[in-house]
Protein backbone atom coordinates (compact mmCIF):
# COMPACT_ATOMS: atom_id res chain seq x y z
CA MET A 1 15.69 -17.88 -141.11
CA LYS A 2 17.47 -20.61 -139.12
CA GLU A 3 20.78 -19.78 -140.79
CA LEU A 4 20.39 -16.11 -139.84
CA GLN A 5 19.68 -17.05 -136.22
CA SER A 6 22.68 -19.35 -136.21
CA ARG A 7 24.94 -16.61 -137.54
CA LEU A 8 23.63 -14.10 -135.03
CA ARG A 9 24.16 -16.57 -132.18
CA LEU A 10 27.73 -17.18 -133.35
CA GLY A 11 28.35 -13.42 -133.58
CA TRP A 12 27.13 -12.90 -130.03
CA PHE A 13 29.24 -15.83 -128.84
CA VAL A 14 32.36 -14.30 -130.38
CA PHE A 15 31.52 -10.90 -128.89
CA VAL A 16 31.02 -12.36 -125.40
CA ALA A 17 34.20 -14.44 -125.70
CA LEU A 18 36.22 -11.34 -126.62
CA VAL A 19 34.73 -9.42 -123.68
CA VAL A 20 35.51 -12.29 -121.27
CA LEU A 21 39.09 -12.51 -122.56
CA THR A 22 39.53 -8.75 -122.18
CA VAL A 23 38.22 -8.82 -118.60
CA ALA A 24 40.50 -11.78 -117.81
CA GLU A 25 43.49 -9.90 -119.25
CA TYR A 26 42.67 -6.85 -117.14
CA TYR A 27 42.29 -9.01 -114.03
CA VAL A 28 45.64 -10.72 -114.61
CA VAL A 29 47.43 -7.41 -115.19
CA THR A 30 45.97 -5.71 -112.14
CA THR A 31 46.27 -8.59 -109.64
CA SER A 32 49.32 -10.62 -110.64
CA PRO A 33 52.88 -9.65 -109.84
CA PRO A 34 55.09 -9.02 -112.86
CA GLY A 35 56.89 -12.13 -114.01
CA ALA A 36 57.13 -14.90 -116.52
CA ILE A 37 53.86 -16.55 -115.49
CA THR A 38 51.92 -13.32 -115.96
CA ILE A 39 53.47 -12.76 -119.37
CA ALA A 40 52.70 -16.35 -120.38
CA MET A 41 49.07 -15.98 -119.32
CA LEU A 42 48.73 -12.74 -121.23
CA LEU A 43 50.24 -14.33 -124.34
CA VAL A 44 47.68 -17.14 -124.16
CA PHE A 45 44.86 -14.60 -123.89
CA GLN A 46 46.26 -12.55 -126.77
CA PHE A 47 46.59 -15.57 -129.05
CA ALA A 48 43.00 -16.53 -128.24
CA ASP A 49 41.87 -12.97 -129.03
CA ALA A 50 43.81 -12.93 -132.28
CA GLY A 51 42.48 -16.33 -133.28
CA LEU A 52 38.88 -15.32 -132.74
CA ILE A 53 39.34 -12.06 -134.63
CA ILE A 54 41.11 -13.70 -137.55
CA TRP A 55 38.62 -16.57 -137.74
CA TYR A 56 35.38 -14.58 -137.36
CA PHE A 57 35.97 -11.03 -138.60
CA MET A 58 38.56 -11.73 -141.30
CA HIS A 59 36.77 -14.90 -142.54
CA VAL A 60 40.02 -16.84 -142.87
CA SER A 61 38.16 -20.11 -142.35
CA GLN A 62 36.46 -19.59 -145.71
CA LEU A 63 39.75 -19.67 -147.60
CA TRP A 64 39.94 -23.46 -147.46
CA ARG A 65 36.36 -24.32 -148.31
CA ALA A 66 36.03 -26.18 -151.59
CA HIS A 67 32.60 -24.81 -152.51
CA ASP A 68 33.78 -21.21 -152.21
CA ALA A 69 36.60 -21.67 -154.72
CA PRO A 70 36.41 -19.30 -157.68
CA GLN A 71 35.10 -20.84 -160.87
CA GLN A 72 37.31 -21.14 -163.94
CA ARG A 73 36.06 -19.32 -167.03
CA THR A 74 35.51 -21.49 -170.08
CA THR A 75 35.42 -19.24 -173.14
């Protein structure tokens, strides 16, 4: 039960983080003048978005876990 609660809490954290990043992106686009600083800020937000999505939804972090490695067949 604790593991389920932990996973749900992490899921909600990722959801809220993605919403906050999206709102921040919108704020930067609508209030900042076009320029290199604005583009740099948006790139940072986009890399953070992509990192969260790749880590949580695509389960890339599980690729390097030793206990999840496929077992060799011995026949």
